[in-house]
Amino acid sequence: MSSPSEQASATPIRTLEQRLDALGRANAIRSKRAQLKKDLKKGITQIDQILADPPEFIRTAKVVDVLLSVPNCGKVKSAKVLNHCRISSNKTVGGLSERQRRELVAFFRR
């Protein structure tokens, strides 16, 4: 008999169909994110609009990864922006508080 801690950490058993469905969803999200990053690089999409009302597929992405797609926003500037807005480098777009979201949007609108 297994202990409660072993049962709690066990990976749920999924059928092949469930695994393929999850893989398909993950691939679709990656494709949409890649296109969004290209649009940000080209200036087609504005970062302040994405941060103000993030689409579902970008909510689980790290803020720093999205910022790195903005023209003239490399590692150093991204780190400064996150520090200025008091945001952890591990924070996801969907995990931003209202204050953090407002500060980020305001930073890119100025």
PDB file of N, CA and C in Angstrom:
ATOM      1  N   MET A   1       0.842  -1.184   0.000  1.00  0.00           N
ATOM      2  CA  MET A   1       0.000   0.000   0.000  1.00  0.00           C
ATOM      3  C   MET A   1       0.882   1.241   0.000  1.00  0.00           C
ATOM      4  N   SER A   2       0.524   2.232  -0.805  1.00  0.00           N
ATOM      5  CA  SER A   2       1.343   3.440  -0.902  1.00  0.00           C
ATOM      6  C   SER A   2       0.906   4.467   0.132  1.00  0.00           C
ATOM      7  N   SER A   3       1.850   5.312   0.498  1.00  0.00           N
ATOM      8  CA  SER A   3       1.569   6.333   1.499  1.00  0.00           C
ATOM      9  C   SER A   3       0.762   7.474   0.881  1.00  0.00           C
ATOM     10  N   PRO A   4       0.074   8.298   1.703  1.00  0.00           N
ATOM     11  CA  PRO A   4      -0.708   9.422   1.185  1.00  0.00           C
ATOM     12  C   PRO A   4       0.127  10.412   0.382  1.00  0.00           C
ATOM     13  N   SER A   5       1.386  10.609   0.784  1.00  0.00           N
ATOM     14  CA  SER A   5       2.217  11.566   0.041  1.00  0.00           C
ATOM     15  C   SER A   5       2.541  11.039  -1.353  1.00  0.00           C
ATOM     16  N   GLU A   6       2.702   9.729  -1.501  1.00  0.00           N
ATOM     17  CA  GLU A   6       2.947   9.148  -2.820  1.00  0.00           C
ATOM     18  C   GLU A   6       1.711   9.263  -3.695  1.00  0.00           C
ATOM     19  N   GLN A   7       0.542   9.073  -3.129  1.00  0.00           N
ATOM     20  CA  GLN A   7      -0.698   9.165  -3.889  1.00  0.00           C
ATOM     21  C   GLN A   7      -0.951  10.597  -4.351  1.00  0.00           C
ATOM     22  N   ALA A   8      -0.629  11.576  -3.525  1.00  0.00           N
ATOM     23  CA  ALA A   8      -0.882  12.970  -3.851  1.00  0.00           C
ATOM     24  C   ALA A   8       0.014  13.452  -4.984  1.00  0.00           C
ATOM     25  N   SER A   9       1.222  12.895  -5.091  1.00  0.00           N
ATOM     26  CA  SER A   9       2.153  13.358  -6.114  1.00  0.00           C
ATOM     27  C   SER A   9       2.124  12.510  -7.381  1.00  0.00           C
ATOM     28  N   ALA A  10       1.292  11.504  -7.425  1.00  0.00           N
ATOM     29  CA  ALA A  10       1.234  10.632  -8.591  1.00  0.00           C
ATOM     30  C   ALA A  10       0.651  11.382  -9.792  1.00  0.00           C
ATOM     31  N   THR A  11       1.212  11.125 -10.955  1.00  0.00           N
ATOM     32  CA  THR A  11       0.730  11.737 -12.185  1.00  0.00           C
ATOM     33  C   THR A  11      -0.601  11.090 -12.556  1.00  0.00           C
ATOM     34  N   PRO A  12      -1.584  11.917 -12.913  1.00  0.00           N
ATOM     35  CA  PRO A  12      -2.874  11.328 -13.278  1.00  0.00           C
ATOM     36  C   PRO A  12      -2.733  10.476 -14.545  1.00  0.00           C
ATOM     37  N   ILE A  13      -3.479   9.420 -14.597  1.00  0.00           N
ATOM     38  CA  ILE A  13      -3.445   8.531 -15.758  1.00  0.00           C
ATOM     39  C   ILE A  13      -4.345   9.132 -16.836  1.00  0.00           C
ATOM     40  N   ARG A  14      -3.773   9.303 -18.028  1.00  0.00           N
ATOM     41  CA  ARG A  14      -4.520   9.890 -19.137  1.00  0.00           C
ATOM     42  C   ARG A  14      -4.521   8.918 -20.306  1.00  0.00           C
ATOM     43  N   THR A  15      -5.594   8.962 -21.052  1.00  0.00           N
ATOM     44  CA  THR A  15      -5.682   8.125 -22.242  1.00  0.00           C
ATOM     45  C   THR A  15      -4.855   8.757 -23.348  1.00  0.00           C
ATOM     46  N   LEU A  16      -4.591   7.993 -24.382  1.00  0.00           N
ATOM     47  CA  LEU A  16      -3.851   8.504 -25.526  1.00  0.00           C
ATOM     48  C   LEU A  16      -4.587   9.690 -26.135  1.00  0.00           C
ATOM     49  N   GLU A  17      -5.889   9.607 -26.212  1.00  0.00           N
ATOM     50  CA  GLU A  17      -6.696  10.698 -26.778  1.00  0.00           C
ATOM     51  C   GLU A  17      -6.545  11.974 -25.937  1.00  0.00           C
ATOM     52  N   GLN A  18      -6.566  11.834 -24.618  1.00  0.00           N
ATOM     53  CA  GLN A  18      -6.400  12.990 -23.741  1.00  0.00           C
ATOM     54  C   GLN A  18      -5.012  13.607 -23.891  1.00  0.00           C
ATOM     55  N   ARG A  19      -3.993  12.762 -23.998  1.00  0.00           N
ATOM     56  CA  ARG A  19      -2.622  13.270 -24.168  1.00  0.00           C
ATOM     57  C   ARG A  19      -2.474  13.992 -25.505  1.00  0.00           C
ATOM     58  N   LEU A  20      -3.041  13.436 -26.560  1.00  0.00           N
ATOM     59  CA  LEU A  20      -2.961  14.067 -27.882  1.00  0.00           C
ATOM     60  C   LEU A  20      -3.730  15.383 -27.909  1.00  0.00           C
ATOM     61  N   ASP A  21      -4.857  15.415 -27.214  1.00  0.00           N
ATOM     62  CA  ASP A  21      -5.645  16.653 -27.135  1.00  0.00           C
ATOM     63  C   ASP A  21      -4.844  17.734 -26.398  1.00  0.00           C
ATOM     64  N   ALA A  22      -4.212  17.378 -25.291  1.00  0.00           N
ATOM     65  CA  ALA A  22      -3.402  18.329 -24.521  1.00  0.00           C
ATOM     66  C   ALA A  22      -2.212  18.810 -25.356  1.00  0.00           C
ATOM     67  N   LEU A  23      -1.596  17.907 -26.086  1.00  0.00           N
ATOM     68  CA  LEU A  23      -0.471  18.271 -26.947  1.00  0.00           C
ATOM     69  C   LEU A  23      -0.921  19.232 -28.044  1.00  0.00           C
ATOM     70  N   GLY A  24      -2.087  18.979 -28.614  1.00  0.00           N
ATOM     71  CA  GLY A  24      -2.634  19.867 -29.644  1.00  0.00           C
ATOM     72  C   GLY A  24      -2.908  21.262 -29.106  1.00  0.00           C
ATOM     73  N   ARG A  25      -3.485  21.340 -27.903  1.00  0.00           N
ATOM     74  CA  ARG A  25      -3.746  22.649 -27.280  1.00  0.00           C
ATOM     75  C   ARG A  25      -2.441  23.382 -27.000  1.00  0.00           C
ATOM     76  N   ALA A  26      -1.444  22.658 -26.470  1.00  0.00           N
ATOM     77  CA  ALA A  26      -0.144  23.273 -26.162  1.00  0.00           C
ATOM     78  C   ALA A  26       0.523  23.796 -27.434  1.00  0.00           C
ATOM     79  N   ASN A  27       0.452  23.035 -28.506  1.00  0.00           N
ATOM     80  CA  ASN A  27       1.043  23.481 -29.774  1.00  0.00           C
ATOM     81  C   ASN A  27       0.327  24.708 -30.314  1.00  0.00           C
ATOM     82  N   ALA A  28      -0.982  24.754 -30.181  1.00  0.00           N
ATOM     83  CA  ALA A  28      -1.752  25.922 -30.648  1.00  0.00           C
ATOM     84  C   ALA A  28      -1.361  27.166 -29.850  1.00  0.00           C
ATOM     85  N   ILE A  29      -1.204  27.011 -28.550  1.00  0.00           N
ATOM     86  CA  ILE A  29      -0.801  28.138 -27.700  1.00  0.00           C
ATOM     87  C   ILE A  29       0.589  28.615 -28.090  1.00  0.00           C
ATOM     88  N   ARG A  30       1.522  27.679 -28.303  1.00  0.00           N
ATOM     89  CA  ARG A  30       2.881  28.070 -28.704  1.00  0.00           C
ATOM     90  C   ARG A  30       2.881  28.807 -30.038  1.00  0.00           C
ATOM     91  N   SER A  31       2.070  28.357 -30.967  1.00  0.00           N
ATOM     92  CA  SER A  31       1.989  29.015 -32.281  1.00  0.00           C
ATOM     93  C   SER A  31       1.434  30.427 -32.153  1.00  0.00           C
ATOM     94  N   LYS A  32       0.382  30.585 -31.359  1.00  0.00           N
ATOM     95  CA  LYS A  32      -0.209  31.910 -31.166  1.00  0.00           C
ATOM     96  C   LYS A  32       0.775  32.847 -30.473  1.00  0.00           C
ATOM     97  N   ARG A  33       1.502  32.330 -29.479  1.00  0.00           N
ATOM     98  CA  ARG A  33       2.500  33.153 -28.783  1.00  0.00           C
ATOM     99  C   ARG A  33       3.616  33.574 -29.738  1.00  0.00           C
ATOM    100  N   ALA A  34       4.056  32.642 -30.562  1.00  0.00           N
ATOM    101  CA  ALA A  34       5.130  32.961 -31.512  1.00  0.00           C
ATOM    102  C   ALA A  34       4.670  34.060 -32.474  1.00  0.00           C
ATOM    103  N   GLN A  35       3.439  33.971 -32.947  1.00  0.00           N
ATOM    104  CA  GLN A  35       2.922  34.996 -33.853  1.00  0.00           C
ATOM    105  C   GLN A  35       2.794  36.338 -33.144  1.00  0.00           C
ATOM    106  N   LEU A  36       2.334  36.330 -31.906  1.00  0.00           N
ATOM    107  CA  LEU A  36       2.225  37.568 -31.140  1.00  0.00           C
ATOM    108  C   LEU A  36       3.599  38.206 -30.961  1.00  0.00           C
ATOM    109  N   LYS A  37       4.605  37.394 -30.644  1.00  0.00           N
ATOM    110  CA  LYS A  37       5.961  37.923 -30.463  1.00  0.00           C
ATOM    111  C   LYS A  37       6.480  38.527 -31.767  1.00  0.00           C
ATOM    112  N   LYS A  38       6.189  37.897 -32.892  1.00  0.00           N
ATOM    113  CA  LYS A  38       6.593  38.456 -34.193  1.00  0.00           C
ATOM    114  C   LYS A  38       5.892  39.788 -34.439  1.00  0.00           C
ATOM    115  N   ASP A  39       4.601  39.840 -34.115  1.00  0.00           N
ATOM    116  CA  ASP A  39       3.834  41.076 -34.297  1.00  0.00           C
ATOM    117  C   ASP A  39       4.355  42.192 -33.394  1.00  0.00           C
ATOM    118  N   LEU A  40       4.772  41.844 -32.183  1.00  0.00           N
ATOM    119  CA  LEU A  40       5.361  42.837 -31.279  1.00  0.00           C
ATOM    120  C   LEU A  40       6.683  43.349 -31.852  1.00  0.00           C
ATOM    121  N   LYS A  41       7.524  42.440 -32.330  1.00  0.00           N
ATOM    122  CA  LYS A  41       8.823  42.833 -32.906  1.00  0.00           C
ATOM    123  C   LYS A  41       8.645  43.775 -34.087  1.00  0.00           C
ATOM    124  N   LYS A  42       7.626  43.495 -34.937  1.00  0.00           N
ATOM    125  CA  LYS A  42       7.382  44.299 -36.141  1.00  0.00           C
ATOM    126  C   LYS A  42       6.629  45.588 -35.841  1.00  0.00           C
ATOM    127  N   GLY A  43       6.097  45.716 -34.625  1.00  0.00           N
ATOM    128  CA  GLY A  43       5.331  46.908 -34.275  1.00  0.00           C
ATOM    129  C   GLY A  43       3.874  46.840 -34.706  1.00  0.00           C
ATOM    130  N   ILE A  44       3.417  45.685 -35.151  1.00  0.00           N
ATOM    131  CA  ILE A  44       2.020  45.497 -35.563  1.00  0.00           C
ATOM    132  C   ILE A  44       1.102  45.532 -34.352  1.00  0.00           C
ATOM    133  N   THR A  45       1.569  44.949 -33.265  1.00  0.00           N
ATOM    134  CA  THR A  45       0.833  44.898 -32.004  1.00  0.00           C
ATOM    135  C   THR A  45       1.606  45.697 -30.964  1.00  0.00           C
ATOM    136  N   GLN A  46       0.887  46.387 -30.102  1.00  0.00           N
ATOM    137  CA  GLN A  46       1.511  47.198 -29.056  1.00  0.00           C
ATOM    138  C   GLN A  46       1.461  46.459 -27.726  1.00  0.00           C
ATOM    139  N   ILE A  47       2.570  46.490 -27.007  1.00  0.00           N
ATOM    140  CA  ILE A  47       2.683  45.780 -25.732  1.00  0.00           C
ATOM    141  C   ILE A  47       1.689  46.283 -24.696  1.00  0.00           C
ATOM    142  N   ASP A  48       1.413  47.589 -24.674  1.00  0.00           N
ATOM    143  CA  ASP A  48       0.486  48.114 -23.673  1.00  0.00           C
ATOM    144  C   ASP A  48      -0.920  47.555 -23.872  1.00  0.00           C
ATOM    145  N   GLN A  49      -1.315  47.310 -25.114  1.00  0.00           N
ATOM    146  CA  GLN A  49      -2.639  46.734 -25.389  1.00  0.00           C
ATOM    147  C   GLN A  49      -2.699  45.278 -24.922  1.00  0.00           C
ATOM    148  N   ILE A  50      -1.628  44.550 -25.158  1.00  0.00           N
ATOM    149  CA  ILE A  50      -1.574  43.136 -24.742  1.00  0.00           C
ATOM    150  C   ILE A  50      -1.610  43.025 -23.220  1.00  0.00           C
ATOM    151  N   LEU A  51      -0.848  43.885 -22.549  1.00  0.00           N
ATOM    152  CA  LEU A  51      -0.801  43.827 -21.085  1.00  0.00           C
ATOM    153  C   LEU A  51      -2.096  44.303 -20.444  1.00  0.00           C
ATOM    154  N   ALA A  52      -2.756  45.285 -21.058  1.00  0.00           N
ATOM    155  CA  ALA A  52      -3.998  45.817 -20.494  1.00  0.00           C
ATOM    156  C   ALA A  52      -5.124  44.783 -20.537  1.00  0.00           C
ATOM    157  N   ASP A  53      -5.197  44.028 -21.629  1.00  0.00           N
ATOM    158  CA  ASP A  53      -6.241  43.015 -21.780  1.00  0.00           C
ATOM    159  C   ASP A  53      -5.634  41.793 -22.471  1.00  0.00           C
ATOM    160  N   PRO A  54      -4.898  40.974 -21.714  1.00  0.00           N
ATOM    161  CA  PRO A  54      -4.182  39.861 -22.339  1.00  0.00           C
ATOM    162  C   PRO A  54      -5.103  38.760 -22.854  1.00  0.00           C
ATOM    163  N   PRO A  55      -4.841  38.284 -24.078  1.00  0.00           N
ATOM    164  CA  PRO A  55      -5.607  37.138 -24.579  1.00  0.00           C
ATOM    165  C   PRO A  55      -5.293  35.891 -23.743  1.00  0.00           C
ATOM    166  N   GLU A  56      -6.160  34.947 -23.762  1.00  0.00           N
ATOM    167  CA  GLU A  56      -6.037  33.736 -22.940  1.00  0.00           C
ATOM    168  C   GLU A  56      -4.704  33.024 -23.172  1.00  0.00           C
ATOM    169  N   PHE A  57      -4.242  32.939 -24.419  1.00  0.00           N
ATOM    170  CA  PHE A  57      -3.040  32.166 -24.729  1.00  0.00           C
ATOM    171  C   PHE A  57      -1.751  32.787 -24.200  1.00  0.00           C
ATOM    172  N   ILE A  58      -1.780  34.044 -23.817  1.00  0.00           N
ATOM    173  CA  ILE A  58      -0.563  34.699 -23.334  1.00  0.00           C
ATOM    174  C   ILE A  58      -0.534  34.793 -21.802  1.00  0.00           C
ATOM    175  N   ARG A  59      -1.632  34.482 -21.157  1.00  0.00           N
ATOM    176  CA  ARG A  59      -1.722  34.648 -19.699  1.00  0.00           C
ATOM    177  C   ARG A  59      -0.773  33.765 -18.914  1.00  0.00           C
ATOM    178  N   THR A  60      -0.386  32.624 -19.460  1.00  0.00           N
ATOM    179  CA  THR A  60       0.527  31.736 -18.735  1.00  0.00           C
ATOM    180  C   THR A  60       1.992  31.970 -19.124  1.00  0.00           C
ATOM    181  N   ALA A  61       2.235  32.937 -20.006  1.00  0.00           N
ATOM    182  CA  ALA A  61       3.610  33.271 -20.401  1.00  0.00           C
ATOM    183  C   ALA A  61       4.239  34.179 -19.347  1.00  0.00           C
ATOM    184  N   LYS A  62       5.535  34.068 -19.167  1.00  0.00           N
ATOM    185  CA  LYS A  62       6.228  34.956 -18.235  1.00  0.00           C
ATOM    186  C   LYS A  62       6.295  36.353 -18.832  1.00  0.00           C
ATOM    187  N   VAL A  63       6.114  37.339 -17.987  1.00  0.00           N
ATOM    188  CA  VAL A  63       6.132  38.742 -18.419  1.00  0.00           C
ATOM    189  C   VAL A  63       7.458  39.068 -19.093  1.00  0.00           C
ATOM    190  N   VAL A  64       8.551  38.598 -18.521  1.00  0.00           N
ATOM    191  CA  VAL A  64       9.869  38.902 -19.074  1.00  0.00           C
ATOM    192  C   VAL A  64      10.009  38.371 -20.498  1.00  0.00           C
ATOM    193  N   ASP A  65       9.442  37.203 -20.792  1.00  0.00           N
ATOM    194  CA  ASP A  65       9.511  36.650 -22.148  1.00  0.00           C
ATOM    195  C   ASP A  65       8.754  37.517 -23.142  1.00  0.00           C
ATOM    196  N   VAL A  66       7.632  38.066 -22.709  1.00  0.00           N
ATOM    197  CA  VAL A  66       6.851  38.943 -23.576  1.00  0.00           C
ATOM    198  C   VAL A  66       7.609  40.259 -23.782  1.00  0.00           C
ATOM    199  N   LEU A  67       8.181  40.800 -22.717  1.00  0.00           N
ATOM    200  CA  LEU A  67       8.923  42.062 -22.824  1.00  0.00           C
ATOM    201  C   LEU A  67      10.118  41.937 -23.771  1.00  0.00           C
ATOM    202  N   LEU A  68      10.755  40.788 -23.796  1.00  0.00           N
ATOM    203  CA  LEU A  68      11.909  40.591 -24.665  1.00  0.00           C
ATOM    204  C   LEU A  68      11.535  40.645 -26.147  1.00  0.00           C
ATOM    205  N   SER A  69      10.259  40.545 -26.458  1.00  0.00           N
ATOM    206  CA  SER A  69       9.797  40.621 -27.840  1.00  0.00           C
ATOM    207  C   SER A  69       9.545  42.053 -28.289  1.00  0.00           C
ATOM    208  N   VAL A  70       9.578  42.974 -27.349  1.00  0.00           N
ATOM    209  CA  VAL A  70       9.341  44.381 -27.668  1.00  0.00           C
ATOM    210  C   VAL A  70      10.621  44.978 -28.251  1.00  0.00           C
ATOM    211  N   PRO A  71      10.496  45.729 -29.370  1.00  0.00           N
ATOM    212  CA  PRO A  71      11.696  46.360 -29.939  1.00  0.00           C
ATOM    213  C   PRO A  71      12.404  47.247 -28.911  1.00  0.00           C
ATOM    214  N   ASN A  72      13.711  47.212 -28.919  1.00  0.00           N
ATOM    215  CA  ASN A  72      14.562  48.001 -28.011  1.00  0.00           C
ATOM    216  C   ASN A  72      14.360  47.641 -26.543  1.00  0.00           C
ATOM    217  N   CYS A  73      13.935  46.424 -26.275  1.00  0.00           N
ATOM    218  CA  CYS A  73      13.741  45.984 -24.893  1.00  0.00           C
ATOM    219  C   CYS A  73      14.440  44.635 -24.723  1.00  0.00           C
ATOM    220  N   GLY A  74      15.730  44.701 -24.425  1.00  0.00           N
ATOM    221  CA  GLY A  74      16.511  43.489 -24.228  1.00  0.00           C
ATOM    222  C   GLY A  74      16.477  43.037 -22.784  1.00  0.00           C
ATOM    223  N   LYS A  75      17.448  42.228 -22.415  1.00  0.00           N
ATOM    224  CA  LYS A  75      17.496  41.672 -21.060  1.00  0.00           C
ATOM    225  C   LYS A  75      17.649  42.752 -20.001  1.00  0.00           C
ATOM    226  N   VAL A  76      18.532  43.712 -20.255  1.00  0.00           N
ATOM    227  CA  VAL A  76      18.804  44.755 -19.259  1.00  0.00           C
ATOM    228  C   VAL A  76      17.582  45.649 -19.065  1.00  0.00           C
ATOM    229  N   LYS A  77      16.999  46.132 -20.156  1.00  0.00           N
ATOM    230  CA  LYS A  77      15.843  47.019 -20.040  1.00  0.00           C
ATOM    231  C   LYS A  77      14.648  46.266 -19.445  1.00  0.00           C
ATOM    232  N   SER A  78      14.448  45.011 -19.843  1.00  0.00           N
ATOM    233  CA  SER A  78      13.354  44.208 -19.275  1.00  0.00           C
ATOM    234  C   SER A  78      13.514  44.087 -17.762  1.00  0.00           C
ATOM    235  N   ALA A  79      14.747  43.822 -17.314  1.00  0.00           N
ATOM    236  CA  ALA A  79      15.005  43.697 -15.876  1.00  0.00           C
ATOM    237  C   ALA A  79      14.737  45.022 -15.167  1.00  0.00           C
ATOM    238  N   LYS A  80      15.113  46.144 -15.784  1.00  0.00           N
ATOM    239  CA  LYS A  80      14.868  47.455 -15.183  1.00  0.00           C
ATOM    240  C   LYS A  80      13.372  47.750 -15.095  1.00  0.00           C
ATOM    241  N   VAL A  81      12.634  47.404 -16.147  1.00  0.00           N
ATOM    242  CA  VAL A  81      11.180  47.632 -16.151  1.00  0.00           C
ATOM    243  C   VAL A  81      10.523  46.808 -15.047  1.00  0.00           C
ATOM    244  N   LEU A  82      10.885  45.533 -14.954  1.00  0.00           N
ATOM    245  CA  LEU A  82      10.305  44.671 -13.918  1.00  0.00           C
ATOM    246  C   LEU A  82      10.655  45.192 -12.527  1.00  0.00           C
ATOM    247  N   ASN A  83      11.887  45.620 -12.340  1.00  0.00           N
ATOM    248  CA  ASN A  83      12.311  46.163 -11.050  1.00  0.00           C
ATOM    249  C   ASN A  83      11.548  47.447 -10.730  1.00  0.00           C
ATOM    250  N   HIS A  84      11.417  48.319 -11.713  1.00  0.00           N
ATOM    251  CA  HIS A  84      10.693  49.583 -11.530  1.00  0.00           C
ATOM    252  C   HIS A  84       9.236  49.337 -11.116  1.00  0.00           C
ATOM    253  N   CYS A  85       8.615  48.328 -11.721  1.00  0.00           N
ATOM    254  CA  CYS A  85       7.203  48.020 -11.439  1.00  0.00           C
ATOM    255  C   CYS A  85       7.044  47.012 -10.302  1.00  0.00           C
ATOM    256  N   ARG A  86       8.162  46.641  -9.671  1.00  0.00           N
ATOM    257  CA  ARG A  86       8.160  45.679  -8.558  1.00  0.00           C
ATOM    258  C   ARG A  86       7.479  44.368  -8.944  1.00  0.00           C
ATOM    259  N   ILE A  87       7.993  43.765 -10.024  1.00  0.00           N
ATOM    260  CA  ILE A  87       7.453  42.512 -10.541  1.00  0.00           C
ATOM    261  C   ILE A  87       8.567  41.476 -10.562  1.00  0.00           C
ATOM    262  N   SER A  88       8.288  40.290 -10.056  1.00  0.00           N
ATOM    263  CA  SER A  88       9.246  39.192 -10.068  1.00  0.00           C
ATOM    264  C   SER A  88       9.495  38.741 -11.501  1.00  0.00           C
ATOM    265  N   SER A  89      10.703  38.289 -11.778  1.00  0.00           N
ATOM    266  CA  SER A  89      11.024  37.811 -13.127  1.00  0.00           C
ATOM    267  C   SER A  89      10.303  36.504 -13.451  1.00  0.00           C
ATOM    268  N   ASN A  90       9.738  35.859 -12.451  1.00  0.00           N
ATOM    269  CA  ASN A  90       8.992  34.612 -12.672  1.00  0.00           C
ATOM    270  C   ASN A  90       7.497  34.838 -12.849  1.00  0.00           C
ATOM    271  N   LYS A  91       7.043  36.071 -12.750  1.00  0.00           N
ATOM    272  CA  LYS A  91       5.607  36.379 -12.805  1.00  0.00           C
ATOM    273  C   LYS A  91       5.052  36.143 -14.208  1.00  0.00           C
ATOM    274  N   THR A  92       3.861  35.565 -14.275  1.00  0.00           N
ATOM    275  CA  THR A  92       3.190  35.381 -15.563  1.00  0.00           C
ATOM    276  C   THR A  92       2.291  36.577 -15.846  1.00  0.00           C
ATOM    277  N   VAL A  93       1.935  36.743 -17.104  1.00  0.00           N
ATOM    278  CA  VAL A  93       1.070  37.858 -17.495  1.00  0.00           C
ATOM    279  C   VAL A  93      -0.269  37.766 -16.761  1.00  0.00           C
ATOM    280  N   GLY A  94      -0.819  36.574 -16.659  1.00  0.00           N
ATOM    281  CA  GLY A  94      -2.089  36.387 -15.961  1.00  0.00           C
ATOM    282  C   GLY A  94      -1.981  36.544 -14.462  1.00  0.00           C
ATOM    283  N   GLY A  95      -0.775  36.425 -13.919  1.00  0.00           N
ATOM    284  CA  GLY A  95      -0.567  36.515 -12.482  1.00  0.00           C
ATOM    285  C   GLY A  95      -0.268  37.922 -11.987  1.00  0.00           C
ATOM    286  N   LEU A  96      -0.279  38.900 -12.895  1.00  0.00           N
ATOM    287  CA  LEU A  96      -0.020  40.281 -12.489  1.00  0.00           C
ATOM    288  C   LEU A  96      -1.169  40.827 -11.655  1.00  0.00           C
ATOM    289  N   SER A  97      -0.831  41.574 -10.619  1.00  0.00           N
ATOM    290  CA  SER A  97      -1.870  42.255  -9.847  1.00  0.00           C
ATOM    291  C   SER A  97      -2.343  43.461 -10.661  1.00  0.00           C
ATOM    292  N   GLU A  98      -3.442  44.050 -10.254  1.00  0.00           N
ATOM    293  CA  GLU A  98      -3.947  45.231 -10.971  1.00  0.00           C
ATOM    294  C   GLU A  98      -2.938  46.368 -10.920  1.00  0.00           C
ATOM    295  N   ARG A  99      -2.278  46.550  -9.769  1.00  0.00           N
ATOM    296  CA  ARG A  99      -1.264  47.597  -9.645  1.00  0.00           C
ATOM    297  C   ARG A  99      -0.109  47.352 -10.615  1.00  0.00           C
ATOM    298  N   GLN A 100       0.396  46.116 -10.634  1.00  0.00           N
ATOM    299  CA  GLN A 100       1.510  45.777 -11.519  1.00  0.00           C
ATOM    300  C   GLN A 100       1.122  45.977 -12.986  1.00  0.00           C
ATOM    301  N   ARG A 101      -0.076  45.545 -13.328  1.00  0.00           N
ATOM    302  CA  ARG A 101      -0.553  45.684 -14.710  1.00  0.00           C
ATOM    303  C   ARG A 101      -0.641  47.167 -15.099  1.00  0.00           C
ATOM    304  N   ARG A 102      -1.223  47.986 -14.197  1.00  0.00           N
ATOM    305  CA  ARG A 102      -1.346  49.429 -14.472  1.00  0.00           C
ATOM    306  C   ARG A 102       0.026  50.072 -14.658  1.00  0.00           C
ATOM    307  N   GLU A 103       0.970  49.734 -13.773  1.00  0.00           N
ATOM    308  CA  GLU A 103       2.309  50.326 -13.860  1.00  0.00           C
ATOM    309  C   GLU A 103       3.023  49.921 -15.147  1.00  0.00           C
ATOM    310  N   LEU A 104       2.896  48.654 -15.533  1.00  0.00           N
ATOM    311  CA  LEU A 104       3.522  48.205 -16.778  1.00  0.00           C
ATOM    312  C   LEU A 104       2.917  48.910 -17.990  1.00  0.00           C
ATOM    313  N   VAL A 105       1.599  48.970 -18.021  1.00  0.00           N
ATOM    314  CA  VAL A 105       0.917  49.623 -19.144  1.00  0.00           C
ATOM    315  C   VAL A 105       1.326  51.096 -19.204  1.00  0.00           C
ATOM    316  N   ALA A 106       1.345  51.758 -18.048  1.00  0.00           N
ATOM    317  CA  ALA A 106       1.726  53.172 -18.003  1.00  0.00           C
ATOM    318  C   ALA A 106       3.166  53.361 -18.460  1.00  0.00           C
ATOM    319  N   PHE A 107       4.054  52.443 -18.088  1.00  0.00           N
ATOM    320  CA  PHE A 107       5.450  52.539 -18.474  1.00  0.00           C
ATOM    321  C   PHE A 107       5.599  52.516 -19.996  1.00  0.00           C
ATOM    322  N   PHE A 108       4.852  51.646 -20.677  1.00  0.00           N
ATOM    323  CA  PHE A 108       4.980  51.526 -22.128  1.00  0.00           C
ATOM    324  C   PHE A 108       4.138  52.543 -22.892  1.00  0.00           C
ATOM    325  N   ARG A 109       3.248  53.227 -22.225  1.00  0.00           N
ATOM    326  CA  ARG A 109       2.447  54.264 -22.902  1.00  0.00           C
ATOM    327  C   ARG A 109       3.117  55.627 -22.870  1.00  0.00           C
ATOM    328  N   ARG A 110       4.158  55.791 -22.050  1.00  0.00           N
ATOM    329  CA  ARG A 110       4.806  57.099 -21.981  1.00  0.00           C
ATOM    330  C   ARG A 110       5.818  57.290 -23.070  1.00  0.00           C
TER     331      ARG A 110
END
